[in-house]
Amino acid sequence: WLEHAAPPFNAAGHHQNEAPAGGNGAENVAPDQPANQPAENAVVGENPDAQDDQAEEEEEDNEEEDDAGGEDAADANNGAQDDMNWNALEWDRAAEELTWERMLGLDGSLVFLEHVFWVVSLNTLFILVFAFCPYHIGHFSLVGLGFEEHVQASHFEGLITTIVGYILLAITLIICHGLATLVKFHRSRRLLGVCYIVVKVSLLVVVEIGVFPLICGWWLDICFLEMFDATLKDRELSFQSAPGTTMFLHWLVGMVYVFYFASFILLLREVLRPGVLWFLRNLNDPDFNPVQEMIHLPIYRHLRRFILSVIVFGSIVLLMLWLPIRIIKSLLPNFLPYNVMLYSDAPVSELSLELLLLQVVLPALLEQGHTRQWLKGLVRAWTVTAGYLLDLHSYLLGDQEENENSANQQVNNNQHARNNNAIPVVGEGLHAAHQAILQQG
């Protein structure tokens, strides 16, 4: 996003006329490349949008290097003299002086007061910039738009007001970035863009870790209402009586659901062939960097991915919980509801036992090797059965088993027809096509 308005700049020709001062990787690679190829391709291989910005950064860095060349040489000479005059005794004496009495100010020195002053000043500045200003920006905006009563009715006035302030700050930074681009203030444009990225990543983290599990938790609770013979009115009363506790419990349930879903996807990756789950991000991939994705991808891509995740998780809850509950209520009317004693005189209630089972016993069982192998064997047996019934065995599990089974048999017409559904080469074909789809953006 920072790179669209950068001026055209031929970095390859620029670097060929320049001696490598800082030992940068792009500068060392540039002279070896052809003149009509930008030097940034050696550094930014998968992100072509970043090339213009790379060029602008290098142009600014070169201007700074021209000004600071003499200073770097002087610093290098001073550093060499410091290395020659280095004395281990002075360092030991400095380490001995740093005692608890000195750190806490009990020896009568003023260093402690200086440290306290800097800590208090930095913390005050941090709170002023990241809490006070966004809160009041959001407060004045909500009052001006007339939404103050709705925000107060939500019982989370401070949090919502601060988030609205951050959203308005992000919009303001985008507008200022566009104005700085028009008037060609490159350094101001860069600074405003970096500030916007910081606000953007912060808001995306709040959405991913806070809002999404909260939505999943409330949707789980709504689909579970008939199982406990409860209504939405009961949930509304509980929210009004203890809003913080209710929201935290729903967030916790949603977080547990997301965690177990991700664990099951990791188990599926071990059973299915590598290309089947190409549309889901692999958390074990060493190249997977969620923060870098938050920085590079635009907001509409994150919004589209968020809506898709909500649809997928919500549909799974409908299929796995709401539909079986409806079937049970229609076939066995007396089987449900399931009663939970939330208020009990016993020291251990049923709810605490269920939480203990969910959070302690179940993870301990899943971490045991034999239990995980049993679960994997069960998933594999289901996959093999469904694959043969639907003629998707080679798509789900690959060609290896079929090749082993047919090695000692003569190839006939039926075998040839069945292999038409398989991947041409193990590791390529469909998997390569999926990777192409994944990387085409």
Protein backbone atom coordinates (compact mmCIF):
# COMPACT_ATOMS: atom_id res chain seq x y z
CA TRP A 1 0.00 0.00 0.00
CA LEU A 2 2.90 2.38 0.65
CA GLU A 3 4.37 1.80 -2.80
CA HIS A 4 1.72 2.98 -5.26
CA ALA A 5 2.69 6.66 -5.49
CA ALA A 6 6.48 6.24 -5.62
CA PRO A 7 8.21 7.97 -8.59
CA PRO A 8 9.69 5.78 -11.35
CA PHE A 9 13.30 5.12 -10.61
CA ASN A 10 15.89 2.97 -12.37
CA ALA A 11 17.69 1.49 -9.42
CA ALA A 12 19.89 -0.79 -11.50
CA GLY A 13 21.51 2.04 -13.41
CA HIS A 14 21.78 4.13 -10.26
CA HIS A 15 23.60 1.46 -8.32
CA GLN A 16 26.03 0.70 -11.12
CA ASN A 17 27.36 4.26 -10.84
CA GLU A 18 27.70 4.03 -7.08
CA ALA A 19 30.29 2.40 -4.85
CA PRO A 20 28.72 0.04 -2.29
CA ALA A 21 28.99 2.06 0.93
CA GLY A 22 26.81 0.23 3.42
CA GLY A 23 27.27 -3.33 2.22
CA ASN A 24 23.56 -3.66 1.46
CA GLY A 25 22.46 -6.85 -0.24
CA ALA A 26 20.59 -4.97 -2.98
CA GLU A 27 23.67 -2.85 -3.78
CA ASN A 28 25.93 -5.88 -4.06
CA VAL A 29 23.54 -7.75 -6.32
CA ALA A 30 22.64 -4.83 -8.58
CA PRO A 31 25.79 -4.57 -10.77
CA ASP A 32 25.55 -8.25 -11.72
CA GLN A 33 22.06 -7.85 -13.17
CA PRO A 34 21.16 -6.62 -16.67
CA ALA A 35 20.50 -2.93 -17.06
CA ASN A 36 16.86 -3.33 -18.07
CA GLN A 37 16.02 -5.36 -14.94
CA PRO A 38 15.33 -3.56 -11.63
CA ALA A 39 17.73 -4.42 -8.87
CA GLU A 40 14.93 -4.79 -6.35
CA ASN A 41 13.79 -8.06 -7.95
CA ALA A 42 16.67 -9.79 -6.22
CA VAL A 43 15.33 -8.64 -2.87
CA VAL A 44 11.59 -8.41 -3.37
CA GLY A 45 10.81 -11.52 -5.36
CA GLU A 46 7.23 -12.23 -4.44
CA ASN A 47 5.98 -8.68 -3.88
CA PRO A 48 6.20 -6.68 -7.13
CA ASP A 49 4.24 -3.80 -5.59
CA ALA A 50 7.13 -3.11 -3.24
CA GLN A 51 9.63 -2.36 -6.04
CA ASP A 52 8.77 1.32 -6.43
CA ASP A 53 8.97 1.86 -2.70
CA GLN A 54 12.28 -0.03 -2.55
CA ALA A 55 13.61 2.33 -5.18
CA GLU A 56 12.45 5.39 -3.29
CA GLU A 57 13.92 4.09 -0.05
CA GLU A 58 17.26 3.50 -1.75
CA GLU A 59 17.17 7.00 -3.28
CA GLU A 60 16.59 8.56 0.13
CA ASP A 61 19.24 6.34 1.69
CA ASN A 62 21.73 7.39 -0.98
CA GLU A 63 21.06 11.07 -0.24
CA GLU A 64 21.70 10.41 3.43
CA GLU A 65 24.83 8.40 2.65
CA ASP A 66 26.27 11.27 0.60
CA ASP A 67 25.79 13.61 3.57
CA ALA A 68 26.97 11.18 6.21
CA GLY A 69 29.96 9.63 4.42
CA GLY A 70 32.52 11.77 6.29
CA GLU A 71 30.79 11.13 9.61
CA ASP A 72 30.89 7.36 9.03
CA ALA A 73 34.61 7.51 8.32
CA ALA A 74 35.23 9.55 11.49
CA ASP A 75 33.10 7.13 13.52
CA ALA A 76 35.05 4.20 12.10
CA ASN A 77 38.38 5.78 13.11
CA ASN A 78 37.07 6.55 16.62
CA GLY A 79 35.72 3.02 16.92
CA ALA A 80 39.12 1.58 15.99
CA GLN A 81 40.82 3.75 18.62
CA ASP A 82 38.25 2.67 21.22
CA ASP A 83 39.01 -0.96 20.41
CA MET A 84 42.72 -0.31 20.90
CA ASN A 85 42.12 1.42 24.28
CA TRP A 86 39.61 -1.10 25.62
CA ASN A 87 40.27 -2.11 29.20
CA ALA A 88 38.57 -5.08 30.84
CA LEU A 89 39.04 -3.63 34.35
CA GLU A 90 36.87 -0.62 33.54
CA TRP A 91 34.06 -2.84 32.36
CA ASP A 92 34.32 -4.99 35.48
CA ARG A 93 34.22 -1.86 37.65
CA ALA A 94 31.12 -0.63 35.80
CA ALA A 95 29.42 -3.99 36.36
CA GLU A 96 30.31 -3.91 40.06
CA GLU A 97 28.82 -0.43 40.45
CA LEU A 98 25.38 -1.60 39.25
CA THR A 99 24.03 -2.92 42.55
CA TRP A 100 20.52 -3.13 44.01
CA GLU A 101 21.24 -0.20 46.29
CA ARG A 102 22.25 1.91 43.30
CA MET A 103 19.26 0.80 41.22
CA LEU A 104 16.77 1.55 44.04
CA GLY A 105 18.43 4.81 45.05
CA LEU A 106 19.43 3.63 48.56
CA ASP A 107 23.05 4.77 48.18
CA GLY A 108 22.09 8.44 48.00
CA SER A 109 22.78 8.90 44.28
CA LEU A 110 20.42 10.76 41.94
CA VAL A 111 20.61 8.13 39.18
CA PHE A 112 17.52 6.46 40.60
CA LEU A 113 15.52 9.71 40.38
CA GLU A 114 16.67 10.16 36.80
CA HIS A 115 15.49 6.65 35.90
CA VAL A 116 12.14 7.23 37.64
CA PHE A 117 11.70 10.50 35.78
CA TRP A 118 12.31 8.86 32.39
CA VAL A 119 10.01 5.90 33.13
CA VAL A 120 7.18 8.14 34.32
CA SER A 121 7.64 10.51 31.37
CA LEU A 122 7.64 7.74 28.77
CA ASN A 123 4.64 5.98 30.34
CA THR A 124 2.74 9.26 30.50
CA LEU A 125 3.54 10.01 26.86
CA PHE A 126 2.52 6.48 25.86
CA ILE A 127 -0.85 6.74 27.67
CA LEU A 128 -1.43 10.22 26.25
CA VAL A 129 -0.76 9.16 22.64
CA PHE A 130 -2.28 5.68 22.57
CA ALA A 131 -5.20 5.98 25.05
CA PHE A 132 -6.14 9.59 25.84
CA CYS A 133 -6.11 11.00 22.30
CA PRO A 134 -7.97 8.11 20.55
CA TYR A 135 -10.58 7.99 23.33
CA HIS A 136 -11.39 11.71 23.10
CA ILE A 137 -11.34 11.69 19.30
CA GLY A 138 -13.86 8.83 19.35
CA HIS A 139 -15.91 10.49 22.10
CA PHE A 140 -16.26 13.81 20.27
CA SER A 141 -17.08 11.99 17.02
CA LEU A 142 -19.78 9.82 18.62
CA VAL A 143 -21.31 12.86 20.36
CA GLY A 144 -21.29 14.79 17.09
CA LEU A 145 -22.93 11.93 15.18
CA GLY A 146 -25.52 11.31 17.91
CA PHE A 147 -24.49 7.72 18.69
CA GLU A 148 -23.58 8.34 22.32
CA GLU A 149 -26.74 6.74 23.76
CA HIS A 150 -26.27 3.55 21.71
CA VAL A 151 -22.66 3.24 22.87
CA GLN A 152 -23.65 3.73 26.51
CA ALA A 153 -26.31 1.02 26.17
CA SER A 154 -23.62 -1.49 25.16
CA HIS A 155 -22.00 -1.40 28.66
CA PHE A 156 -18.56 -1.11 26.99
CA GLU A 157 -18.43 2.62 26.37
CA GLY A 158 -14.68 3.09 26.88
CA LEU A 159 -13.58 0.22 24.64
CA ILE A 160 -15.93 1.04 21.76
CA THR A 161 -15.13 4.77 21.95
CA THR A 162 -11.38 4.08 21.82
CA ILE A 163 -11.73 1.71 18.85
CA VAL A 164 -13.82 4.31 16.98
CA GLY A 165 -11.06 6.84 17.71
CA TYR A 166 -8.44 4.51 16.25
CA ILE A 167 -10.57 3.94 13.13
CA LEU A 168 -10.92 7.71 12.64
CA LEU A 169 -7.16 8.11 13.17
CA ALA A 170 -6.51 5.51 10.47
CA ILE A 171 -8.84 7.30 8.02
CA THR A 172 -7.14 10.63 8.83
CA LEU A 173 -3.71 9.12 8.24
CA ILE A 174 -4.82 7.78 4.85
CA ILE A 175 -6.11 11.21 3.81
CA CYS A 176 -2.92 12.93 4.99
CA HIS A 177 -0.86 10.31 3.16
CA GLY A 178 -2.74 11.09 -0.06
CA LEU A 179 -2.19 14.83 0.39
CA ALA A 180 1.51 14.28 1.07
CA THR A 181 1.72 12.22 -2.11
CA LEU A 182 0.10 15.01 -4.14
CA VAL A 183 2.53 17.65 -2.89
CA LYS A 184 5.45 15.17 -3.13
CA PHE A 185 6.52 15.27 0.53
CA HIS A 186 8.23 11.89 0.38
CA ARG A 187 9.50 11.71 3.97
CA SER A 188 6.17 12.89 5.41
CA ARG A 189 4.34 10.44 3.16
CA ARG A 190 6.54 7.62 4.39
CA LEU A 191 6.06 8.54 8.06
CA LEU A 192 2.27 8.84 7.69
CA GLY A 193 2.15 5.50 5.90
CA VAL A 194 4.11 3.73 8.64
CA CYS A 195 1.85 5.24 11.31
CA TYR A 196 -1.21 4.03 9.39
CA ILE A 197 0.26 0.52 9.16
CA VAL A 198 0.79 0.46 12.96
CA VAL A 199 -2.85 1.46 13.57
CA LYS A 200 -4.07 -0.99 10.92
CA VAL A 201 -2.17 -3.96 12.39
CA SER A 202 -3.41 -3.09 15.89
CA LEU A 203 -7.03 -2.98 14.75
CA LEU A 204 -6.65 -6.25 12.81
CA VAL A 205 -5.18 -7.97 15.88
CA VAL A 206 -8.17 -6.79 17.93
CA VAL A 207 -10.53 -8.16 15.29
CA GLU A 208 -8.72 -11.51 14.89
CA ILE A 209 -8.15 -12.23 18.60
CA GLY A 210 -11.08 -10.39 20.17
CA VAL A 211 -14.04 -9.99 17.83
CA PHE A 212 -13.86 -13.26 15.86
CA PRO A 213 -13.80 -15.64 18.90
CA LEU A 214 -16.57 -13.52 20.46
CA ILE A 215 -18.76 -14.01 17.38
CA CYS A 216 -18.02 -17.76 17.40
CA GLY A 217 -18.87 -17.99 21.12
CA TRP A 218 -22.19 -16.21 20.78
CA TRP A 219 -23.13 -18.27 17.72
CA LEU A 220 -22.29 -21.47 19.61
CA ASP A 221 -24.46 -20.32 22.50
CA ILE A 222 -27.37 -19.46 20.19
CA CYS A 223 -27.18 -22.88 18.51
CA PHE A 224 -27.02 -24.55 21.96
CA LEU A 225 -30.11 -22.77 23.35
CA GLU A 226 -32.54 -25.62 22.65
CA MET A 227 -30.19 -28.13 24.24
CA PHE A 228 -30.39 -26.29 27.58
CA ASP A 229 -34.03 -25.20 27.15
CA ALA A 230 -33.03 -21.52 27.26
CA THR A 231 -34.11 -18.50 25.25
CA LEU A 232 -32.48 -15.36 23.94
CA LYS A 233 -34.32 -13.43 26.64
CA ASP A 234 -32.39 -15.37 29.30
CA ARG A 235 -29.11 -14.53 27.61
CA GLU A 236 -30.09 -10.87 27.42
CA LEU A 237 -30.90 -10.80 31.15
CA SER A 238 -27.57 -12.45 32.02
CA PHE A 239 -25.72 -9.94 29.83
CA GLN A 240 -27.44 -6.99 31.52
CA SER A 241 -26.70 -8.35 35.00
CA ALA A 242 -23.00 -9.08 34.34
CA PRO A 243 -21.87 -7.81 30.91
CA GLY A 244 -18.15 -8.26 31.45
CA THR A 245 -18.40 -11.84 32.72
CA THR A 246 -20.86 -12.83 29.98
CA MET A 247 -18.68 -11.46 27.19
CA PHE A 248 -15.54 -13.03 28.64
CA LEU A 249 -17.17 -16.47 28.92
CA HIS A 250 -18.44 -16.30 25.34
CA TRP A 251 -15.00 -15.16 24.15
CA LEU A 252 -13.39 -18.04 26.04
CA VAL A 253 -15.77 -20.61 24.52
CA GLY A 254 -15.16 -19.18 21.03
CA MET A 255 -11.39 -19.24 21.54
CA VAL A 256 -11.50 -22.90 22.63
CA TYR A 257 -13.61 -23.72 19.57
CA VAL A 258 -11.19 -21.97 17.21
CA PHE A 259 -8.23 -23.71 18.87
CA TYR A 260 -9.69 -27.21 18.54
CA PHE A 261 -10.75 -26.50 14.97
CA ALA A 262 -7.17 -25.49 14.09
CA SER A 263 -5.85 -28.62 15.85
CA PHE A 264 -8.19 -30.79 13.80
CA ILE A 265 -7.08 -29.10 10.57
CA LEU A 266 -3.44 -29.88 11.49
CA LEU A 267 -4.46 -33.52 12.03
CA LEU A 268 -6.22 -33.57 8.66
CA ARG A 269 -3.05 -32.31 6.96
CA GLU A 270 -1.20 -35.35 8.28
CA VAL A 271 -3.82 -37.71 6.80
CA LEU A 272 -4.69 -36.11 3.45
CA ARG A 273 -2.27 -35.49 0.64
CA PRO A 274 -0.56 -32.06 0.63
CA GLY A 275 -2.69 -30.37 -2.06
CA VAL A 276 -6.18 -31.04 -0.72
CA LEU A 277 -6.36 -28.28 1.89
CA TRP A 278 -4.67 -25.69 -0.32
CA PHE A 279 -7.34 -23.07 0.51
CA LEU A 280 -6.52 -23.16 4.27
CA ARG A 281 -3.40 -21.52 5.65
CA ASN A 282 -0.87 -23.96 7.06
CA LEU A 283 0.09 -22.86 10.58
CA ASN A 284 3.15 -25.15 10.54
CA ASP A 285 4.54 -23.53 7.40
CA PRO A 286 7.82 -21.75 8.31
CA ASP A 287 7.04 -19.08 5.69
CA PHE A 288 3.65 -18.29 7.26
CA ASN A 289 3.87 -14.87 8.91
CA PRO A 290 0.48 -13.46 9.97
CA VAL A 291 1.84 -10.03 10.95
CA GLN A 292 3.49 -9.65 7.55
CA GLU A 293 0.19 -10.56 5.89
CA MET A 294 -1.56 -7.90 7.98
CA ILE A 295 0.98 -5.34 6.77
CA HIS A 296 0.97 -6.21 3.08
CA LEU A 297 -2.64 -7.18 2.31
CA PRO A 298 -5.19 -4.36 1.90
CA ILE A 299 -8.17 -3.89 4.19
CA TYR A 300 -10.75 -5.26 1.74
CA ARG A 301 -8.80 -8.55 1.51
CA HIS A 302 -8.81 -8.86 5.30
CA LEU A 303 -12.52 -8.00 5.40
CA ARG A 304 -13.28 -10.63 2.75
CA ARG A 305 -11.21 -13.25 4.61
CA PHE A 306 -12.94 -12.36 7.89
CA ILE A 307 -16.43 -12.74 6.36
CA LEU A 308 -15.40 -16.06 4.77
CA SER A 309 -14.09 -17.35 8.12
CA VAL A 310 -17.31 -16.33 9.88
CA ILE A 311 -19.38 -18.14 7.21
CA VAL A 312 -17.25 -21.31 7.39
CA PHE A 313 -17.16 -21.50 11.20
CA GLY A 314 -20.85 -20.64 11.48
CA SER A 315 -21.84 -23.28 8.93
CA ILE A 316 -19.81 -25.92 10.77
CA VAL A 317 -21.55 -25.05 14.04
CA LEU A 318 -24.94 -25.37 12.29
CA LEU A 319 -24.06 -28.77 10.83
CA MET A 320 -22.31 -30.24 13.89
CA LEU A 321 -24.48 -28.86 16.74
CA TRP A 322 -27.77 -27.24 15.73
CA LEU A 323 -28.85 -29.89 13.20
CA PRO A 324 -28.16 -32.92 15.50
CA ILE A 325 -30.00 -31.17 18.36
CA ARG A 326 -33.02 -30.61 16.11
CA ILE A 327 -32.95 -34.26 14.98
CA ILE A 328 -32.71 -35.51 18.58
CA LYS A 329 -35.60 -33.27 19.70
CA SER A 330 -37.77 -34.54 16.88
CA LEU A 331 -36.92 -38.24 17.34
CA LEU A 332 -36.49 -38.35 21.15
CA PRO A 333 -38.54 -35.51 22.67
CA ASN A 334 -37.80 -36.56 26.26
CA PHE A 335 -34.03 -36.80 25.82
CA LEU A 336 -33.39 -33.04 25.93
CA PRO A 337 -33.00 -30.50 27.55
CA TYR A 338 -29.69 -31.09 29.29
CA ASN A 339 -29.78 -29.43 32.73
CA VAL A 340 -26.64 -27.81 34.19
CA MET A 341 -26.55 -26.80 37.87
CA LEU A 342 -25.02 -23.35 37.75
CA TYR A 343 -25.91 -22.62 41.38
CA SER A 344 -25.07 -25.50 43.69
CA ASP A 345 -24.07 -25.92 47.31
CA ALA A 346 -21.61 -28.63 46.35
CA PRO A 347 -17.96 -27.51 46.18
CA VAL A 348 -17.65 -28.99 42.66
CA SER A 349 -20.57 -28.42 40.33
CA GLU A 350 -21.30 -30.16 37.05
CA LEU A 351 -20.18 -27.15 35.04
CA SER A 352 -16.74 -27.10 36.67
CA LEU A 353 -16.37 -30.83 36.00
CA GLU A 354 -17.20 -30.26 32.34
CA LEU A 355 -14.70 -27.41 32.09
CA LEU A 356 -12.09 -29.66 33.74
CA LEU A 357 -12.85 -32.38 31.20
CA LEU A 358 -12.62 -29.94 28.29
CA GLN A 359 -9.49 -28.08 29.34
CA VAL A 360 -7.41 -30.70 31.19
CA VAL A 361 -8.46 -34.24 30.33
CA LEU A 362 -9.12 -33.81 26.61
CA PRO A 363 -5.85 -31.97 25.77
CA ALA A 364 -3.90 -34.51 27.84
CA LEU A 365 -5.49 -37.33 25.85
CA LEU A 366 -4.81 -35.60 22.53
CA GLU A 367 -1.15 -35.10 23.41
CA GLN A 368 -0.67 -38.81 24.12
CA GLY A 369 0.79 -40.57 21.10
CA HIS A 370 -1.54 -43.57 21.00
CA THR A 371 -4.72 -41.47 21.37
CA ARG A 372 -3.60 -39.20 18.54
CA GLN A 373 -2.79 -42.25 16.40
CA TRP A 374 -6.24 -43.71 17.11
CA LEU A 375 -7.89 -40.45 16.08
CA LYS A 376 -5.75 -40.22 12.97
CA GLY A 377 -6.58 -43.84 12.09
CA LEU A 378 -10.28 -43.11 12.52
CA VAL A 379 -10.08 -40.07 10.21
CA ARG A 380 -8.04 -42.06 7.69
CA ALA A 381 -10.55 -44.94 7.68
CA TRP A 382 -13.42 -42.49 7.11
CA THR A 383 -11.46 -40.77 4.31
CA VAL A 384 -10.66 -44.09 2.57
CA THR A 385 -14.29 -45.25 2.81
CA ALA A 386 -15.75 -41.98 1.57
CA GLY A 387 -13.07 -41.69 -1.12
CA TYR A 388 -13.86 -45.10 -2.61
CA LEU A 389 -17.63 -44.53 -2.42
CA LEU A 390 -17.34 -41.15 -4.17
CA ASP A 391 -14.42 -42.14 -6.45
CA LEU A 392 -12.23 -39.47 -4.80
CA HIS A 393 -9.60 -41.77 -3.30
CA SER A 394 -6.73 -40.56 -5.49
CA TYR A 395 -7.75 -36.93 -4.96
CA LEU A 396 -7.89 -37.21 -1.16
CA LEU A 397 -4.99 -39.55 -0.45
CA GLY A 398 -2.86 -39.48 -3.60
CA ASP A 399 -1.63 -42.22 -5.92
CA GLN A 400 0.91 -44.01 -3.76
CA GLU A 401 -1.35 -46.71 -2.33
CA GLU A 402 -2.91 -47.43 -5.70
CA ASN A 403 0.51 -47.77 -7.32
CA GLU A 404 1.62 -50.21 -4.61
CA ASN A 405 -1.53 -52.31 -4.98
CA SER A 406 -1.36 -52.41 -8.77
CA ALA A 407 2.40 -53.03 -9.08
CA ASN A 408 1.98 -56.81 -9.33
CA GLN A 409 -1.12 -56.69 -11.52
CA GLN A 410 -1.44 -56.39 -15.24
CA VAL A 411 -2.72 -53.01 -16.41
CA ASN A 412 -6.17 -53.48 -17.93
CA ASN A 413 -8.83 -51.12 -19.23
CA ASN A 414 -10.60 -50.78 -15.88
CA GLN A 415 -7.38 -49.92 -14.10
CA HIS A 416 -6.57 -47.40 -16.82
CA ALA A 417 -10.00 -45.80 -16.53
CA ARG A 418 -9.75 -45.58 -12.76
CA ASN A 419 -6.34 -43.91 -12.94
CA ASN A 420 -7.76 -41.17 -15.12
CA ASN A 421 -9.04 -39.57 -11.94
CA ALA A 422 -5.63 -39.64 -10.28
CA ILE A 423 -2.87 -37.07 -10.31
CA PRO A 424 -0.46 -37.52 -13.27
CA VAL A 425 2.66 -37.35 -11.11
CA VAL A 426 2.82 -37.57 -7.33
CA GLY A 427 3.61 -34.12 -5.94
CA GLU A 428 2.73 -32.27 -9.14
CA GLY A 429 -0.38 -31.90 -11.27
CA LEU A 430 -3.33 -30.94 -9.08
CA HIS A 431 -1.11 -29.88 -6.20
CA ALA A 432 0.88 -27.62 -8.53
CA ALA A 433 -2.37 -26.20 -9.89
CA HIS A 434 -3.55 -25.45 -6.36
CA GLN A 435 -0.29 -23.71 -5.58
CA ALA A 436 -0.67 -21.67 -8.78
CA ILE A 437 -4.16 -20.63 -7.71
CA LEU A 438 -2.81 -19.73 -4.29
CA GLN A 439 0.05 -17.63 -5.65
CA GLN A 440 -1.65 -15.97 -8.62
CA GLY A 441 -2.47 -12.83 -6.62
